[in-house]
Amino acid sequence: MEIFRDALGTTVNYEDKTIIELFWVHSALIEREKFKTRHFYYRHDTQTVNDQKIKKRYLWYVGQVIVLIGILIGILLWNFASSNHHTDIIYSRQTQLQLSNTIGEEVIVSFQALVELYTSNDTLPFVHTTPSEYMEKSIKEVQNLQTRMTTGFEELDGTYDPEIEEILFKGKPCAEYESFYPLYCAGLMTLGFRTDALNLMITFQNQQKILYDRFSTTNRSTFFSLLQSFYPGITARQMINSLLGYQAQLLNAIIATNLAESITQASKAQDTILAVFIACLLVVGLLIWIRILKNIKEVRNDFKKVLQVLPPKLVLSSFLLKRFLNKASGMALEK
C-alpha cells in the first residue's frame, strides 16, 4: 500500500474498493512469482510440489517425539528402580525389627517357662501347654535364633549397622548401658562371660538345655529338692536373661530409627521424581504450544499469500474470505 501512496500521491481515496482491489492484484502478481521460484516448478501444463522441506519437517517432528518419549520412559524407569530399592530396604528393616522383638520375647518367656517347670514340678499349665513341652520347643527356637542373628541383621549390601554390629558381635562397653545393666554387664564379665548378644544367646541356650535335661533326673519328691537342682548359677542366669532382653530392646530402637529414616528417604525420592516428571511435562507442553502457535502463524501467513494469488473479485465475492480479510486488515474493507 505504501508503494501506491508514493505513486498516486495524497489526493487518492485509499479506502476506495477499486484502489484496494488494484493493491491486491499487484500483490498477487508479486507473490505468484515468489511461489514459482520457492515452491513450484512448471513443466508444460502441470505443477509438482517440492516436498523436501515437508519431509525434513516431518522427520524433525518424529525425532522430537522420540526424544520426549525417551525422557518420559527414563523417568518411569528411574521411579521403578528407586521404588524397588527403597521397598527392599524398608522390608529388610521390618524383618530385622521382627527378629529383635522375637529375641526379646523368646528369651524372657523361655526363662519364665524354666522357672515354672521347677517351681510347679511341671504341673501347672503354661502358654496353653505344660512348662516341659514349652521348654522343649523353646530350646529349638533359641537355637534357631542364634543362626538368624548372624545373618538376619545384615543390610542389603552384606554389611551391618555399626551400632548393631557392636551389640551383636563385639559387645557394647558396660558403661554405655543405662539403669542397672552396667552392673549386670560387669558382673558377667567378672564371671568370665562375653557380653556380646550372640555369645550371650549361645550361653543362654546351653544353660536352658542343661537345666531342662537335669529336671528329668532330679528327685522331684519335694519342693526343696527341686530348688537344690535349680538354684546353683541362678544369679548368672538372671543377669544373662535380663541383659539379653535389654540388648534386644536396644536393637529394636536402632532398627526402628533406621526404618523411619528409610521411609523418609523413600518419600523424598518419590517427591524428587514427581517434581522432575512435572517439570518435564511443563517443558514439553510449553515447547509443543510454542510450536503449535508458530505453525498457526505460518498457516495464517500462507493463507494470506494464497489469497493474494486468487483474483480479487473471487476473494471479495466470498463472505468467509472477505471476513478474514477484514480481520487481517483491521476492518479496512468496511471503512
Protein backbone atom coordinates (compact mmCIF):
# COMPACT_ATOMS: atom_id res chain seq x y z
CA MET A 1 0.00 0.00 0.00
CA GLU A 2 2.93 2.34 0.65
CA ILE A 3 4.03 1.89 -2.97
CA PHE A 4 0.59 3.04 -4.12
CA ARG A 5 0.74 6.05 -1.77
CA ASP A 6 4.11 7.11 -3.20
CA ALA A 7 2.95 6.61 -6.79
CA LEU A 8 -0.52 8.18 -6.61
CA GLY A 9 0.05 10.91 -4.03
CA THR A 10 -2.28 12.07 -1.31
CA THR A 11 -5.28 13.07 -3.45
CA VAL A 12 -6.47 9.48 -3.88
CA ASN A 13 -9.03 7.87 -1.57
CA TYR A 14 -7.17 4.78 -0.38
CA GLU A 15 -10.24 3.41 1.27
CA ASP A 16 -11.94 3.07 -2.10
CA LYS A 17 -12.67 -0.56 -3.02
CA THR A 18 -11.20 -0.10 -6.53
CA ILE A 19 -7.89 1.09 -5.09
CA ILE A 20 -7.86 -1.80 -2.63
CA GLU A 21 -8.58 -4.22 -5.47
CA LEU A 22 -5.66 -2.80 -7.51
CA PHE A 23 -3.43 -3.22 -4.48
CA TRP A 24 -4.40 -6.91 -4.11
CA VAL A 25 -3.83 -7.54 -7.84
CA HIS A 26 -0.38 -6.02 -7.62
CA SER A 27 0.45 -8.06 -4.53
CA ALA A 28 -0.90 -11.24 -6.14
CA LEU A 29 1.47 -10.86 -9.10
CA ILE A 30 4.46 -10.47 -6.79
CA GLU A 31 3.52 -13.47 -4.64
CA ARG A 32 2.86 -15.60 -7.71
CA GLU A 33 6.43 -15.06 -8.86
CA LYS A 34 7.73 -15.88 -5.37
CA PHE A 35 5.72 -19.11 -5.31
CA LYS A 36 7.14 -20.11 -8.69
CA THR A 37 10.73 -19.69 -7.54
CA ARG A 38 10.40 -21.10 -3.99
CA HIS A 39 7.78 -23.83 -4.05
CA PHE A 40 6.88 -24.85 -7.59
CA TYR A 41 8.41 -25.57 -10.93
CA TYR A 42 6.35 -25.78 -14.10
CA ARG A 43 6.62 -28.37 -16.80
CA HIS A 44 4.09 -27.99 -19.65
CA ASP A 45 0.64 -27.66 -18.04
CA THR A 46 1.37 -29.42 -14.70
CA GLN A 47 2.86 -28.38 -11.32
CA THR A 48 4.92 -30.55 -8.97
CA VAL A 49 5.31 -29.60 -5.31
CA ASN A 50 8.84 -29.62 -3.88
CA ASP A 51 8.29 -31.87 -0.85
CA GLN A 52 11.86 -31.96 0.55
CA LYS A 53 11.03 -29.31 3.11
CA ILE A 54 7.93 -31.24 4.19
CA LYS A 55 9.96 -34.43 4.65
CA LYS A 56 12.57 -32.65 6.75
CA ARG A 57 9.89 -31.10 8.91
CA TYR A 58 8.20 -34.49 9.34
CA LEU A 59 11.47 -36.15 10.36
CA TRP A 60 12.14 -33.30 12.78
CA TYR A 61 8.75 -33.81 14.42
CA VAL A 62 9.29 -37.58 14.65
CA GLY A 63 12.71 -37.03 16.22
CA GLN A 64 11.26 -34.66 18.81
CA VAL A 65 8.53 -37.14 19.73
CA ILE A 66 11.08 -39.97 20.09
CA VAL A 67 13.29 -37.85 22.36
CA LEU A 68 10.35 -36.79 24.53
CA ILE A 69 9.08 -40.36 24.83
CA GLY A 70 12.60 -41.48 25.74
CA ILE A 71 12.79 -38.87 28.51
CA LEU A 72 9.43 -39.94 29.95
CA ILE A 73 10.37 -43.64 29.79
CA GLY A 74 13.66 -42.81 31.53
CA ILE A 75 11.79 -41.08 34.35
CA LEU A 76 9.45 -44.06 34.72
CA LEU A 77 12.40 -46.48 34.85
CA TRP A 78 14.09 -44.26 37.42
CA ASN A 79 10.92 -44.30 39.51
CA PHE A 80 10.66 -48.09 39.20
CA ALA A 81 14.29 -48.67 40.23
CA SER A 82 14.09 -46.18 43.10
CA SER A 83 10.82 -47.64 44.40
CA ASN A 84 12.18 -51.19 44.32
CA HIS A 85 15.39 -50.17 46.09
CA HIS A 86 13.65 -48.33 48.92
CA THR A 87 10.99 -51.04 49.22
CA ASP A 88 13.71 -53.68 49.65
CA ILE A 89 15.39 -51.57 52.36
CA ILE A 90 12.13 -50.98 54.23
CA TYR A 91 11.16 -54.67 54.02
CA SER A 92 14.63 -55.72 55.24
CA ARG A 93 14.45 -53.44 58.26
CA GLN A 94 10.93 -54.54 59.08
CA THR A 95 12.24 -58.11 59.11
CA GLN A 96 15.09 -57.04 61.42
CA LEU A 97 12.57 -55.35 63.72
CA GLN A 98 10.51 -58.53 63.93
CA LEU A 99 13.65 -60.56 64.68
CA SER A 100 14.74 -58.27 67.53
CA ASN A 101 11.21 -58.46 69.00
CA THR A 102 11.26 -62.25 68.73
CA ILE A 103 14.63 -62.45 70.51
CA GLY A 104 13.50 -60.32 73.44
CA GLU A 105 10.19 -62.15 73.78
CA GLU A 106 11.60 -65.66 73.45
CA VAL A 107 14.39 -65.08 76.00
CA ILE A 108 12.01 -63.74 78.63
CA VAL A 109 9.26 -66.34 78.12
CA SER A 110 11.70 -69.24 77.88
CA PHE A 111 13.34 -68.30 81.18
CA GLN A 112 9.92 -67.95 82.81
CA ALA A 113 8.97 -71.41 81.49
CA LEU A 114 12.08 -72.85 83.15
CA VAL A 115 11.15 -71.23 86.47
CA GLU A 116 7.61 -72.63 86.20
CA LEU A 117 9.00 -76.05 85.34
CA TYR A 118 10.87 -76.29 88.66
CA THR A 119 8.57 -74.36 90.96
CA SER A 120 5.37 -76.14 89.86
CA ASN A 121 7.00 -79.51 89.19
CA ASP A 122 5.54 -79.30 85.66
CA THR A 123 2.01 -79.43 86.97
CA LEU A 124 0.65 -76.00 86.09
CA PRO A 125 -0.31 -75.01 82.53
CA PHE A 126 1.99 -72.54 80.77
CA VAL A 127 1.06 -70.74 77.49
CA HIS A 128 -1.67 -73.32 76.71
CA THR A 129 0.67 -76.25 77.34
CA THR A 130 2.92 -77.65 80.09
CA PRO A 131 6.25 -75.98 81.01
CA SER A 132 8.20 -79.05 79.88
CA GLU A 133 6.57 -79.11 76.44
CA TYR A 134 7.11 -75.41 76.02
CA MET A 135 10.76 -75.75 77.08
CA GLU A 136 11.34 -78.47 74.50
CA LYS A 137 10.09 -76.19 71.74
CA SER A 138 11.81 -73.13 73.16
CA ILE A 139 15.27 -74.71 73.18
CA LYS A 140 14.96 -75.43 69.47
CA GLU A 141 13.64 -71.91 68.80
CA VAL A 142 16.52 -70.28 70.70
CA GLN A 143 19.00 -72.39 68.73
CA ASN A 144 17.32 -71.25 65.53
CA LEU A 145 17.53 -67.61 66.68
CA GLN A 146 21.30 -67.98 67.09
CA THR A 147 21.60 -68.79 63.40
CA ARG A 148 19.26 -65.98 62.36
CA MET A 149 21.17 -63.44 64.45
CA THR A 150 24.31 -63.86 62.31
CA THR A 151 22.56 -63.01 59.02
CA GLY A 152 19.19 -61.51 59.95
CA PHE A 153 20.59 -58.08 60.80
CA GLU A 154 22.64 -57.63 57.62
CA GLU A 155 21.94 -54.72 55.30
CA LEU A 156 21.24 -55.34 51.60
CA ASP A 157 24.94 -54.91 50.76
CA GLY A 158 26.01 -57.53 53.32
CA THR A 159 27.28 -55.04 55.91
CA TYR A 160 25.98 -54.24 59.39
CA ASP A 161 24.92 -51.02 61.00
CA PRO A 162 27.90 -50.08 63.27
CA GLU A 163 25.74 -49.89 66.43
CA ILE A 164 24.04 -53.21 65.68
CA GLU A 165 27.37 -54.87 64.89
CA GLU A 166 28.78 -53.68 68.21
CA ILE A 167 25.88 -55.13 70.20
CA LEU A 168 25.78 -58.42 68.29
CA PHE A 169 29.44 -59.37 67.88
CA LYS A 170 31.78 -57.02 69.77
CA GLY A 171 29.99 -56.26 72.99
CA LYS A 172 28.93 -52.77 73.93
CA PRO A 173 31.03 -51.20 76.73
CA CYS A 174 29.29 -51.77 80.05
CA ALA A 175 29.49 -48.07 80.96
CA GLU A 176 27.30 -47.17 77.96
CA TYR A 177 24.37 -49.21 79.27
CA GLU A 178 21.67 -47.48 81.30
CA SER A 179 19.99 -48.17 84.64
CA PHE A 180 21.37 -51.21 86.49
CA TYR A 181 22.53 -53.01 83.32
CA PRO A 182 26.14 -51.82 83.67
CA LEU A 183 26.27 -53.85 86.89
CA TYR A 184 24.92 -56.94 85.12
CA CYS A 185 27.37 -56.47 82.28
CA ALA A 186 30.35 -56.02 84.62
CA GLY A 187 29.22 -58.96 86.77
CA LEU A 188 29.04 -61.32 83.78
CA MET A 189 32.48 -60.22 82.57
CA THR A 190 33.83 -60.90 86.07
CA LEU A 191 32.39 -64.42 85.87
CA GLY A 192 34.18 -64.94 82.53
CA PHE A 193 31.23 -64.47 80.16
CA ARG A 194 31.39 -62.48 76.95
CA THR A 195 28.68 -59.83 76.81
CA ASP A 196 28.01 -59.57 73.09
CA ALA A 197 24.45 -60.63 72.21
CA LEU A 198 25.41 -63.65 70.09
CA ASN A 199 27.61 -65.23 72.79
CA LEU A 200 25.05 -64.45 75.48
CA MET A 201 22.42 -66.20 73.33
CA ILE A 202 24.61 -69.29 72.97
CA THR A 203 25.24 -69.35 76.74
CA PHE A 204 21.54 -68.86 77.47
CA GLN A 205 20.55 -71.73 75.17
CA ASN A 206 23.13 -74.08 76.68
CA GLN A 207 22.06 -73.34 80.26
CA GLN A 208 18.39 -73.76 79.39
CA LYS A 209 19.11 -77.15 77.85
CA ILE A 210 21.24 -78.26 80.82
CA LEU A 211 18.54 -77.36 83.35
CA TYR A 212 15.80 -78.90 81.21
CA ASP A 213 17.73 -82.18 80.98
CA ARG A 214 18.55 -82.03 84.70
CA PHE A 215 14.86 -81.77 85.57
CA SER A 216 14.15 -85.26 84.23
CA THR A 217 16.82 -86.80 86.52
CA THR A 218 16.10 -84.69 89.61
CA ASN A 219 14.39 -86.04 92.71
CA ARG A 220 11.05 -84.28 92.44
CA SER A 221 9.50 -85.70 95.58
CA THR A 222 9.93 -82.45 97.49
CA PHE A 223 9.97 -78.77 96.57
CA PHE A 224 13.28 -78.35 98.38
CA SER A 225 14.99 -80.96 96.20
CA LEU A 226 13.78 -79.14 93.07
CA LEU A 227 15.17 -75.85 94.35
CA GLN A 228 18.51 -77.51 95.05
CA SER A 229 18.73 -78.52 91.39
CA PHE A 230 17.58 -75.11 90.06
CA TYR A 231 19.32 -72.69 92.41
CA PRO A 232 23.05 -73.14 91.50
CA GLY A 233 24.02 -70.44 88.97
CA ILE A 234 20.70 -68.62 89.29
CA THR A 235 22.34 -65.20 89.62
CA ALA A 236 24.31 -65.56 86.39
CA ARG A 237 21.24 -66.91 84.56
CA GLN A 238 19.14 -63.96 85.71
CA MET A 239 21.80 -61.47 84.60
CA ILE A 240 22.13 -63.18 81.20
CA ASN A 241 18.37 -63.21 80.75
CA SER A 242 17.97 -59.55 81.75
CA LEU A 243 20.92 -58.29 79.67
CA LEU A 244 19.77 -60.22 76.59
CA GLY A 245 16.29 -58.71 76.89
CA TYR A 246 17.80 -55.24 77.26
CA GLN A 247 20.05 -55.75 74.23
CA ALA A 248 17.03 -56.82 72.19
CA GLN A 249 15.36 -53.53 73.18
CA LEU A 250 18.45 -51.58 72.07
CA LEU A 251 18.43 -53.40 68.72
CA ASN A 252 14.74 -52.65 68.39
CA ALA A 253 15.29 -48.92 68.98
CA ILE A 254 18.19 -48.70 66.49
CA ILE A 255 16.28 -50.58 63.78
CA ALA A 256 13.13 -48.51 64.34
CA THR A 257 15.19 -45.33 63.84
CA ASN A 258 16.76 -46.73 60.67
CA LEU A 259 13.35 -47.79 59.40
CA ALA A 260 11.93 -44.30 59.93
CA GLU A 261 14.90 -42.81 58.05
CA SER A 262 14.36 -45.27 55.18
CA ILE A 263 10.70 -44.29 54.90
CA THR A 264 11.67 -40.59 54.91
CA GLN A 265 14.29 -41.15 52.20
CA ALA A 266 11.80 -43.10 50.09
CA SER A 267 9.29 -40.28 50.41
CA LYS A 268 11.90 -37.67 49.42
CA ALA A 269 12.96 -39.77 46.42
CA GLN A 270 9.35 -40.02 45.25
CA ASP A 271 8.89 -36.26 45.67
CA THR A 272 12.04 -35.62 43.63
CA ILE A 273 10.94 -37.93 40.82
CA LEU A 274 7.47 -36.38 40.81
CA ALA A 275 8.95 -32.87 40.63
CA VAL A 276 11.21 -33.87 37.71
CA PHE A 277 8.27 -35.52 35.95
CA ILE A 278 6.07 -32.43 36.36
CA ALA A 279 8.91 -30.16 35.20
CA CYS A 280 9.42 -32.31 32.09
CA LEU A 281 5.70 -32.22 31.33
CA LEU A 282 5.66 -28.44 31.69
CA VAL A 283 8.69 -28.04 29.43
CA VAL A 284 7.27 -30.45 26.86
CA GLY A 285 3.89 -28.74 26.98
CA LEU A 286 5.50 -25.31 26.58
CA LEU A 287 7.57 -26.46 23.62
CA ILE A 288 4.54 -28.06 21.99
CA TRP A 289 2.45 -24.91 22.41
CA ILE A 290 5.25 -22.73 21.06
CA ARG A 291 5.44 -24.98 18.03
CA ILE A 292 1.65 -25.01 17.62
CA LEU A 293 1.44 -21.23 17.78
CA LYS A 294 4.30 -20.93 15.32
CA ASN A 295 2.55 -23.32 12.94
CA ILE A 296 -0.72 -21.41 13.31
CA LYS A 297 1.10 -18.22 12.41
CA GLU A 298 2.75 -19.91 9.41
CA VAL A 299 -0.61 -21.28 8.23
CA ARG A 300 -2.17 -17.86 8.62
CA ASN A 301 0.63 -16.24 6.61
CA ASP A 302 0.42 -18.95 3.95
CA PHE A 303 -3.33 -18.42 3.72
CA LYS A 304 -2.77 -14.72 3.20
CA LYS A 305 -0.32 -15.50 0.41
CA VAL A 306 -2.84 -17.82 -1.20
CA LEU A 307 -5.45 -15.09 -1.06
CA GLN A 308 -3.03 -12.76 -2.77
CA VAL A 309 -2.71 -15.21 -5.65
CA LEU A 310 -6.50 -15.54 -6.06
CA PRO A 311 -8.35 -12.98 -8.23
CA PRO A 312 -9.61 -10.07 -6.08
CA LYS A 313 -13.20 -10.42 -7.36
CA LEU A 314 -13.25 -14.04 -6.25
CA VAL A 315 -11.92 -13.14 -2.82
CA LEU A 316 -14.36 -10.25 -2.34
CA SER A 317 -17.29 -12.32 -3.54
CA SER A 318 -16.78 -14.89 -0.74
CA PHE A 319 -18.28 -13.96 2.60
CA LEU A 320 -15.79 -16.02 4.63
CA LEU A 321 -12.75 -14.79 2.71
CA LYS A 322 -13.94 -11.22 2.90
CA ARG A 323 -14.49 -11.63 6.66
CA PHE A 324 -10.96 -12.97 7.05
CA LEU A 325 -9.54 -10.03 5.09
CA ASN A 326 -11.47 -7.61 7.29
CA LYS A 327 -9.97 -9.10 10.44
CA ALA A 328 -6.45 -9.26 8.94
CA SER A 329 -6.59 -5.65 7.68
CA GLY A 330 -8.17 -4.09 10.76
CA MET A 331 -11.64 -3.84 9.13
CA ALA A 332 -10.18 -1.75 6.26
CA LEU A 333 -12.73 -3.07 3.76
CA GLU A 334 -15.61 -1.76 5.87
CA LYS A 335 -14.25 1.78 6.10
